[in-house]
């Protein structure tokens, strides 16, 4: 089972954008590292609702996008160690 099967293609570009945003937030040191996934979740849900319209499906898409972004970041991080 692949998470990308469940994500709407119009939102796929948000995954790398959220990864970059997370890196910017981390370097800025304005927000504690443990809060970065929550910030990315909020941003992801907002953009999903803006792009797809306000609906339960767009809310779920935002959650999936944030999950894919954080999961992708962790995969990259663990592969470097």
PDB file of N, CA and C in Angstrom:
ATOM      1  N   UNK A   1       0.848  -1.177   0.000  1.00  0.00           N
ATOM      2  CA  UNK A   1       0.000   0.000   0.000  1.00  0.00           C
ATOM      3  C   UNK A   1       0.892   1.238   0.000  1.00  0.00           C
ATOM      4  N   UNK A   2       0.649   2.123  -0.940  1.00  0.00           N
ATOM      5  CA  UNK A   2       1.438   3.328  -1.117  1.00  0.00           C
ATOM      6  C   UNK A   2       0.574   4.538  -0.773  1.00  0.00           C
ATOM      7  N   UNK A   3       1.075   5.392   0.109  1.00  0.00           N
ATOM      8  CA  UNK A   3       0.303   6.567   0.542  1.00  0.00           C
ATOM      9  C   UNK A   3       0.002   7.489  -0.629  1.00  0.00           C
ATOM     10  N   UNK A   4       0.886   7.520  -1.631  1.00  0.00           N
ATOM     11  CA  UNK A   4       0.679   8.418  -2.758  1.00  0.00           C
ATOM     12  C   UNK A   4      -0.526   8.017  -3.611  1.00  0.00           C
ATOM     13  N   UNK A   5      -1.002   6.788  -3.482  1.00  0.00           N
ATOM     14  CA  UNK A   5      -2.210   6.367  -4.195  1.00  0.00           C
ATOM     15  C   UNK A   5      -3.442   7.122  -3.695  1.00  0.00           C
ATOM     16  N   UNK A   6      -3.398   7.578  -2.478  1.00  0.00           N
ATOM     17  CA  UNK A   6      -4.558   8.215  -1.858  1.00  0.00           C
ATOM     18  C   UNK A   6      -4.526   9.737  -1.953  1.00  0.00           C
ATOM     19  N   UNK A   7      -3.420  10.287  -2.429  1.00  0.00           N
ATOM     20  CA  UNK A   7      -3.278  11.740  -2.500  1.00  0.00           C
ATOM     21  C   UNK A   7      -3.689  12.227  -3.884  1.00  0.00           C
ATOM     22  N   UNK A   8      -4.497  13.274  -3.913  1.00  0.00           N
ATOM     23  CA  UNK A   8      -4.946  13.884  -5.163  1.00  0.00           C
ATOM     24  C   UNK A   8      -3.738  14.502  -5.868  1.00  0.00           C
ATOM     25  N   UNK A   9      -3.646  14.295  -7.172  1.00  0.00           N
ATOM     26  CA  UNK A   9      -2.466  14.735  -7.926  1.00  0.00           C
ATOM     27  C   UNK A   9      -2.254  16.250  -7.874  1.00  0.00           C
ATOM     28  N   UNK A  10      -3.322  17.029  -7.718  1.00  0.00           N
ATOM     29  CA  UNK A  10      -3.177  18.490  -7.647  1.00  0.00           C
ATOM     30  C   UNK A  10      -2.397  18.940  -6.415  1.00  0.00           C
ATOM     31  N   UNK A  11      -2.283  18.082  -5.423  1.00  0.00           N
ATOM     32  CA  UNK A  11      -1.627  18.465  -4.172  1.00  0.00           C
ATOM     33  C   UNK A  11      -0.222  17.889  -4.014  1.00  0.00           C
ATOM     34  N   UNK A  12       0.225  17.094  -4.962  1.00  0.00           N
ATOM     35  CA  UNK A  12       1.527  16.436  -4.808  1.00  0.00           C
ATOM     36  C   UNK A  12       2.684  17.424  -4.681  1.00  0.00           C
ATOM     37  N   UNK A  13       2.579  18.582  -5.336  1.00  0.00           N
ATOM     38  CA  UNK A  13       3.661  19.563  -5.244  1.00  0.00           C
ATOM     39  C   UNK A  13       3.798  20.142  -3.832  1.00  0.00           C
ATOM     40  N   UNK A  14       2.782  19.975  -3.000  1.00  0.00           N
ATOM     41  CA  UNK A  14       2.867  20.477  -1.628  1.00  0.00           C
ATOM     42  C   UNK A  14       3.846  19.672  -0.772  1.00  0.00           C
ATOM     43  N   UNK A  15       4.100  18.415  -1.137  1.00  0.00           N
ATOM     44  CA  UNK A  15       4.998  17.583  -0.330  1.00  0.00           C
ATOM     45  C   UNK A  15       6.398  18.186  -0.271  1.00  0.00           C
ATOM     46  N   UNK A  16       7.059  18.446  -1.416  1.00  0.00           N
ATOM     47  CA  UNK A  16       8.388  19.068  -1.314  1.00  0.00           C
ATOM     48  C   UNK A  16       8.332  20.491  -0.763  1.00  0.00           C
ATOM     49  N   UNK A  17       7.233  21.205  -1.049  1.00  0.00           N
ATOM     50  CA  UNK A  17       7.107  22.564  -0.515  1.00  0.00           C
ATOM     51  C   UNK A  17       7.059  22.542   1.011  1.00  0.00           C
ATOM     52  N   UNK A  18       6.347  21.591   1.585  1.00  0.00           N
ATOM     53  CA  UNK A  18       6.281  21.475   3.044  1.00  0.00           C
ATOM     54  C   UNK A  18       7.620  21.032   3.626  1.00  0.00           C
ATOM     55  N   UNK A  19       8.341  20.191   2.888  1.00  0.00           N
ATOM     56  CA  UNK A  19       9.666  19.778   3.362  1.00  0.00           C
ATOM     57  C   UNK A  19      10.602  20.986   3.436  1.00  0.00           C
ATOM     58  N   UNK A  20      10.533  21.846   2.422  1.00  0.00           N
ATOM     59  CA  UNK A  20      11.352  23.066   2.417  1.00  0.00           C
ATOM     60  C   UNK A  20      10.908  23.999   3.538  1.00  0.00           C
ATOM     61  N   UNK A  21       9.607  24.162   3.708  1.00  0.00           N
ATOM     62  CA  UNK A  21       9.092  25.013   4.784  1.00  0.00           C
ATOM     63  C   UNK A  21       9.549  24.506   6.146  1.00  0.00           C
ATOM     64  N   UNK A  22       9.515  23.202   6.343  1.00  0.00           N
ATOM     65  CA  UNK A  22       9.979  22.627   7.606  1.00  0.00           C
ATOM     66  C   UNK A  22      11.446  22.918   7.857  1.00  0.00           C
ATOM     67  N   UNK A  23      12.255  22.838   6.806  1.00  0.00           N
ATOM     68  CA  UNK A  23      13.684  23.134   6.942  1.00  0.00           C
ATOM     69  C   UNK A  23      13.901  24.612   7.275  1.00  0.00           C
ATOM     70  N   UNK A  24      13.128  25.485   6.641  1.00  0.00           N
ATOM     71  CA  UNK A  24      13.228  26.920   6.923  1.00  0.00           C
ATOM     72  C   UNK A  24      12.843  27.202   8.372  1.00  0.00           C
ATOM     73  N   UNK A  25      11.763  26.598   8.832  1.00  0.00           N
ATOM     74  CA  UNK A  25      11.324  26.795  10.219  1.00  0.00           C
ATOM     75  C   UNK A  25      12.388  26.296  11.188  1.00  0.00           C
ATOM     76  N   UNK A  26      12.982  25.145  10.883  1.00  0.00           N
ATOM     77  CA  UNK A  26      14.001  24.569  11.761  1.00  0.00           C
ATOM     78  C   UNK A  26      15.223  25.475  11.848  1.00  0.00           C
ATOM     79  N   UNK A  27      15.655  26.006  10.711  1.00  0.00           N
ATOM     80  CA  UNK A  27      16.825  26.890  10.709  1.00  0.00           C
ATOM     81  C   UNK A  27      16.526  28.221  11.385  1.00  0.00           C
ATOM     82  N   UNK A  28      15.268  28.678  11.297  1.00  0.00           N
ATOM     83  CA  UNK A  28      14.894  29.950  11.899  1.00  0.00           C
ATOM     84  C   UNK A  28      14.887  29.915  13.412  1.00  0.00           C
ATOM     85  N   UNK A  29      14.696  28.757  13.989  1.00  0.00           N
ATOM     86  CA  UNK A  29      14.705  28.546  15.435  1.00  0.00           C
ATOM     87  C   UNK A  29      13.673  29.394  16.177  1.00  0.00           C
ATOM     88  N   UNK A  30      12.611  29.793  15.489  1.00  0.00           N
ATOM     89  CA  UNK A  30      11.544  30.539  16.149  1.00  0.00           C
ATOM     90  C   UNK A  30      10.537  29.597  16.791  1.00  0.00           C
ATOM     91  N   UNK A  31      10.463  28.393  16.238  1.00  0.00           N
ATOM     92  CA  UNK A  31       9.500  27.404  16.703  1.00  0.00           C
ATOM     93  C   UNK A  31      10.264  26.178  17.170  1.00  0.00           C
ATOM     94  N   UNK A  32       9.851  25.635  18.293  1.00  0.00           N
ATOM     95  CA  UNK A  32      10.471  24.425  18.823  1.00  0.00           C
ATOM     96  C   UNK A  32      10.330  23.286  17.808  1.00  0.00           C
ATOM     97  N   UNK A  33      11.373  22.467  17.672  1.00  0.00           N
ATOM     98  CA  UNK A  33      11.384  21.388  16.681  1.00  0.00           C
ATOM     99  C   UNK A  33      10.198  20.432  16.822  1.00  0.00           C
ATOM    100  N   UNK A  34       9.759  20.208  18.044  1.00  0.00           N
ATOM    101  CA  UNK A  34       8.653  19.260  18.231  1.00  0.00           C
ATOM    102  C   UNK A  34       7.326  19.808  17.707  1.00  0.00           C
ATOM    103  N   UNK A  35       7.254  21.111  17.445  1.00  0.00           N
ATOM    104  CA  UNK A  35       6.025  21.720  16.941  1.00  0.00           C
ATOM    105  C   UNK A  35       6.002  21.845  15.418  1.00  0.00           C
ATOM    106  N   UNK A  36       7.114  21.559  14.758  1.00  0.00           N
ATOM    107  CA  UNK A  36       7.176  21.702  13.300  1.00  0.00           C
ATOM    108  C   UNK A  36       6.145  20.822  12.594  1.00  0.00           C
ATOM    109  N   UNK A  37       5.979  19.543  12.954  1.00  0.00           N
ATOM    110  CA  UNK A  37       4.948  18.749  12.263  1.00  0.00           C
ATOM    111  C   UNK A  37       3.536  19.321  12.407  1.00  0.00           C
ATOM    112  N   UNK A  38       3.235  19.915  13.540  1.00  0.00           N
ATOM    113  CA  UNK A  38       1.905  20.513  13.739  1.00  0.00           C
ATOM    114  C   UNK A  38       1.738  21.731  12.830  1.00  0.00           C
ATOM    115  N   UNK A  39       2.776  22.548  12.729  1.00  0.00           N
ATOM    116  CA  UNK A  39       2.729  23.714  11.844  1.00  0.00           C
ATOM    117  C   UNK A  39       2.543  23.261  10.396  1.00  0.00           C
ATOM    118  N   UNK A  40       3.291  22.231   9.996  1.00  0.00           N
ATOM    119  CA  UNK A  40       3.165  21.711   8.634  1.00  0.00           C
ATOM    120  C   UNK A  40       1.772  21.138   8.390  1.00  0.00           C
ATOM    121  N   UNK A  41       1.196  20.506   9.390  1.00  0.00           N
ATOM    122  CA  UNK A  41      -0.162  19.977   9.266  1.00  0.00           C
ATOM    123  C   UNK A  41      -1.163  21.103   9.040  1.00  0.00           C
ATOM    124  N   UNK A  42      -1.051  22.158   9.813  1.00  0.00           N
ATOM    125  CA  UNK A  42      -1.969  23.294   9.677  1.00  0.00           C
ATOM    126  C   UNK A  42      -1.837  23.930   8.298  1.00  0.00           C
ATOM    127  N   UNK A  43      -0.607  24.161   7.859  1.00  0.00           N
ATOM    128  CA  UNK A  43      -0.371  24.757   6.540  1.00  0.00           C
ATOM    129  C   UNK A  43      -0.915  23.848   5.441  1.00  0.00           C
ATOM    130  N   UNK A  44      -0.670  22.566   5.575  1.00  0.00           N
ATOM    131  CA  UNK A  44      -1.122  21.600   4.576  1.00  0.00           C
ATOM    132  C   UNK A  44      -2.643  21.563   4.473  1.00  0.00           C
ATOM    133  N   UNK A  45      -3.315  21.527   5.599  1.00  0.00           N
ATOM    134  CA  UNK A  45      -4.784  21.501   5.591  1.00  0.00           C
ATOM    135  C   UNK A  45      -5.334  22.801   5.004  1.00  0.00           C
ATOM    136  N   UNK A  46      -4.725  23.931   5.343  1.00  0.00           N
ATOM    137  CA  UNK A  46      -5.179  25.210   4.789  1.00  0.00           C
ATOM    138  C   UNK A  46      -5.049  25.232   3.269  1.00  0.00           C
ATOM    139  N   UNK A  47      -3.885  24.825   2.760  1.00  0.00           N
ATOM    140  CA  UNK A  47      -3.684  24.840   1.314  1.00  0.00           C
ATOM    141  C   UNK A  47      -4.570  23.820   0.605  1.00  0.00           C
ATOM    142  N   UNK A  48      -4.767  22.668   1.196  1.00  0.00           N
ATOM    143  CA  UNK A  48      -5.650  21.671   0.589  1.00  0.00           C
ATOM    144  C   UNK A  48      -7.072  22.210   0.483  1.00  0.00           C
ATOM    145  N   UNK A  49      -7.519  22.916   1.515  1.00  0.00           N
ATOM    146  CA  UNK A  49      -8.861  23.501   1.479  1.00  0.00           C
ATOM    147  C   UNK A  49      -8.951  24.645   0.478  1.00  0.00           C
ATOM    148  N   UNK A  50      -7.880  25.407   0.324  1.00  0.00           N
ATOM    149  CA  UNK A  50      -7.880  26.482  -0.671  1.00  0.00           C
ATOM    150  C   UNK A  50      -7.920  25.926  -2.091  1.00  0.00           C
ATOM    151  N   UNK A  51      -7.189  24.847  -2.322  1.00  0.00           N
ATOM    152  CA  UNK A  51      -7.086  24.289  -3.667  1.00  0.00           C
ATOM    153  C   UNK A  51      -8.308  23.449  -4.030  1.00  0.00           C
ATOM    154  N   UNK A  52      -8.752  22.611  -3.116  1.00  0.00           N
ATOM    155  CA  UNK A  52      -9.838  21.673  -3.414  1.00  0.00           C
ATOM    156  C   UNK A  52     -11.213  22.163  -2.975  1.00  0.00           C
ATOM    157  N   UNK A  53     -11.248  23.223  -2.201  1.00  0.00           N
ATOM    158  CA  UNK A  53     -12.514  23.685  -1.651  1.00  0.00           C
ATOM    159  C   UNK A  53     -12.726  23.094  -0.266  1.00  0.00           C
ATOM    160  N   UNK A  54     -13.548  23.749   0.503  1.00  0.00           N
ATOM    161  CA  UNK A  54     -13.788  23.338   1.883  1.00  0.00           C
ATOM    162  C   UNK A  54     -14.654  22.082   1.916  1.00  0.00           C
ATOM    163  N   UNK A  55     -14.055  20.976   2.358  1.00  0.00           N
ATOM    164  CA  UNK A  55     -14.790  19.714   2.447  1.00  0.00           C
ATOM    165  C   UNK A  55     -14.026  18.759   3.356  1.00  0.00           C
ATOM    166  N   UNK A  56     -14.693  17.735   3.838  1.00  0.00           N
ATOM    167  CA  UNK A  56     -13.985  16.731   4.650  1.00  0.00           C
ATOM    168  C   UNK A  56     -12.869  16.040   3.867  1.00  0.00           C
ATOM    169  N   UNK A  57     -13.079  15.842   2.561  1.00  0.00           N
ATOM    170  CA  UNK A  57     -12.064  15.193   1.733  1.00  0.00           C
ATOM    171  C   UNK A  57     -10.794  16.033   1.643  1.00  0.00           C
ATOM    172  N   UNK A  58     -10.950  17.354   1.512  1.00  0.00           N
ATOM    173  CA  UNK A  58      -9.767  18.211   1.433  1.00  0.00           C
ATOM    174  C   UNK A  58      -9.040  18.252   2.772  1.00  0.00           C
ATOM    175  N   UNK A  59      -9.778  18.159   3.864  1.00  0.00           N
ATOM    176  CA  UNK A  59      -9.153  18.094   5.184  1.00  0.00           C
ATOM    177  C   UNK A  59      -8.300  16.830   5.298  1.00  0.00           C
ATOM    178  N   UNK A  60      -8.846  15.709   4.853  1.00  0.00           N
ATOM    179  CA  UNK A  60      -8.107  14.441   4.888  1.00  0.00           C
ATOM    180  C   UNK A  60      -6.907  14.500   3.950  1.00  0.00           C
ATOM    181  N   UNK A  61      -7.077  15.125   2.788  1.00  0.00           N
ATOM    182  CA  UNK A  61      -5.953  15.276   1.862  1.00  0.00           C
ATOM    183  C   UNK A  61      -4.829  16.090   2.506  1.00  0.00           C
ATOM    184  N   UNK A  62      -5.181  17.125   3.249  1.00  0.00           N
ATOM    185  CA  UNK A  62      -4.172  17.918   3.951  1.00  0.00           C
ATOM    186  C   UNK A  62      -3.404  17.091   4.962  1.00  0.00           C
ATOM    187  N   UNK A  63      -4.111  16.228   5.669  1.00  0.00           N
ATOM    188  CA  UNK A  63      -3.455  15.345   6.638  1.00  0.00           C
ATOM    189  C   UNK A  63      -2.515  14.380   5.926  1.00  0.00           C
ATOM    190  N   UNK A  64      -2.964  13.810   4.812  1.00  0.00           N
ATOM    191  CA  UNK A  64      -2.121  12.880   4.054  1.00  0.00           C
ATOM    192  C   UNK A  64      -0.878  13.566   3.495  1.00  0.00           C
ATOM    193  N   UNK A  65      -1.042  14.787   3.002  1.00  0.00           N
ATOM    194  CA  UNK A  65       0.095  15.539   2.461  1.00  0.00           C
ATOM    195  C   UNK A  65       1.110  15.823   3.558  1.00  0.00           C
ATOM    196  N   UNK A  66       0.644  16.274   4.714  1.00  0.00           N
ATOM    197  CA  UNK A  66       1.561  16.540   5.830  1.00  0.00           C
ATOM    198  C   UNK A  66       2.259  15.262   6.263  1.00  0.00           C
ATOM    199  N   UNK A  67       1.521  14.163   6.325  1.00  0.00           N
ATOM    200  CA  UNK A  67       2.114  12.878   6.696  1.00  0.00           C
ATOM    201  C   UNK A  67       3.174  12.439   5.711  1.00  0.00           C
ATOM    202  N   UNK A  68       2.899  12.588   4.425  1.00  0.00           N
ATOM    203  CA  UNK A  68       3.878  12.209   3.404  1.00  0.00           C
ATOM    204  C   UNK A  68       5.118  13.084   3.488  1.00  0.00           C
ATOM    205  N   UNK A  69       4.932  14.354   3.790  1.00  0.00           N
ATOM    206  CA  UNK A  69       6.069  15.268   3.902  1.00  0.00           C
ATOM    207  C   UNK A  69       6.960  14.916   5.088  1.00  0.00           C
ATOM    208  N   UNK A  70       6.364  14.718   6.245  1.00  0.00           N
ATOM    209  CA  UNK A  70       7.134  14.384   7.447  1.00  0.00           C
ATOM    210  C   UNK A  70       7.779  13.004   7.294  1.00  0.00           C
ATOM    211  N   UNK A  71       7.040  12.049   6.730  1.00  0.00           N
ATOM    212  CA  UNK A  71       7.575  10.709   6.506  1.00  0.00           C
ATOM    213  C   UNK A  71       8.743  10.751   5.521  1.00  0.00           C
ATOM    214  N   UNK A  72       8.590  11.518   4.449  1.00  0.00           N
ATOM    215  CA  UNK A  72       9.670  11.662   3.472  1.00  0.00           C
ATOM    216  C   UNK A  72      10.908  12.280   4.085  1.00  0.00           C
ATOM    217  N   UNK A  73      10.713  13.281   4.926  1.00  0.00           N
ATOM    218  CA  UNK A  73      11.842  13.910   5.610  1.00  0.00           C
ATOM    219  C   UNK A  73      12.553  12.910   6.507  1.00  0.00           C
ATOM    220  N   UNK A  74      11.797  12.128   7.238  1.00  0.00           N
ATOM    221  CA  UNK A  74      12.400  11.135   8.128  1.00  0.00           C
ATOM    222  C   UNK A  74      13.143  10.056   7.342  1.00  0.00           C
ATOM    223  N   UNK A  75      12.611   9.655   6.190  1.00  0.00           N
ATOM    224  CA  UNK A  75      13.312   8.687   5.347  1.00  0.00           C
ATOM    225  C   UNK A  75      14.655   9.234   4.879  1.00  0.00           C
ATOM    226  N   UNK A  76      14.654  10.487   4.437  1.00  0.00           N
ATOM    227  CA  UNK A  76      15.907  11.105   4.000  1.00  0.00           C
ATOM    228  C   UNK A  76      16.890  11.228   5.157  1.00  0.00           C
ATOM    229  N   UNK A  77      16.389  11.637   6.301  1.00  0.00           N
ATOM    230  CA  UNK A  77      17.232  11.814   7.483  1.00  0.00           C
ATOM    231  C   UNK A  77      17.843  10.484   7.928  1.00  0.00           C
ATOM    232  N   UNK A  78      17.041   9.431   7.960  1.00  0.00           N
ATOM    233  CA  UNK A  78      17.531   8.125   8.407  1.00  0.00           C
ATOM    234  C   UNK A  78      18.480   7.494   7.394  1.00  0.00           C
ATOM    235  N   UNK A  79      18.291   7.774   6.115  1.00  0.00           N
ATOM    236  CA  UNK A  79      19.173   7.187   5.106  1.00  0.00           C
ATOM    237  C   UNK A  79      20.563   7.809   5.137  1.00  0.00           C
ATOM    238  N   UNK A  80      20.673   9.032   5.662  1.00  0.00           N
ATOM    239  CA  UNK A  80      21.977   9.694   5.767  1.00  0.00           C
ATOM    240  C   UNK A  80      22.773   9.200   6.958  1.00  0.00           C
ATOM    241  N   UNK A  81      22.096   8.640   7.952  1.00  0.00           N
ATOM    242  CA  UNK A  81      22.789   8.189   9.168  1.00  0.00           C
ATOM    243  C   UNK A  81      23.359   6.810   9.016  1.00  0.00           C
TER     244      UNK A  81
END
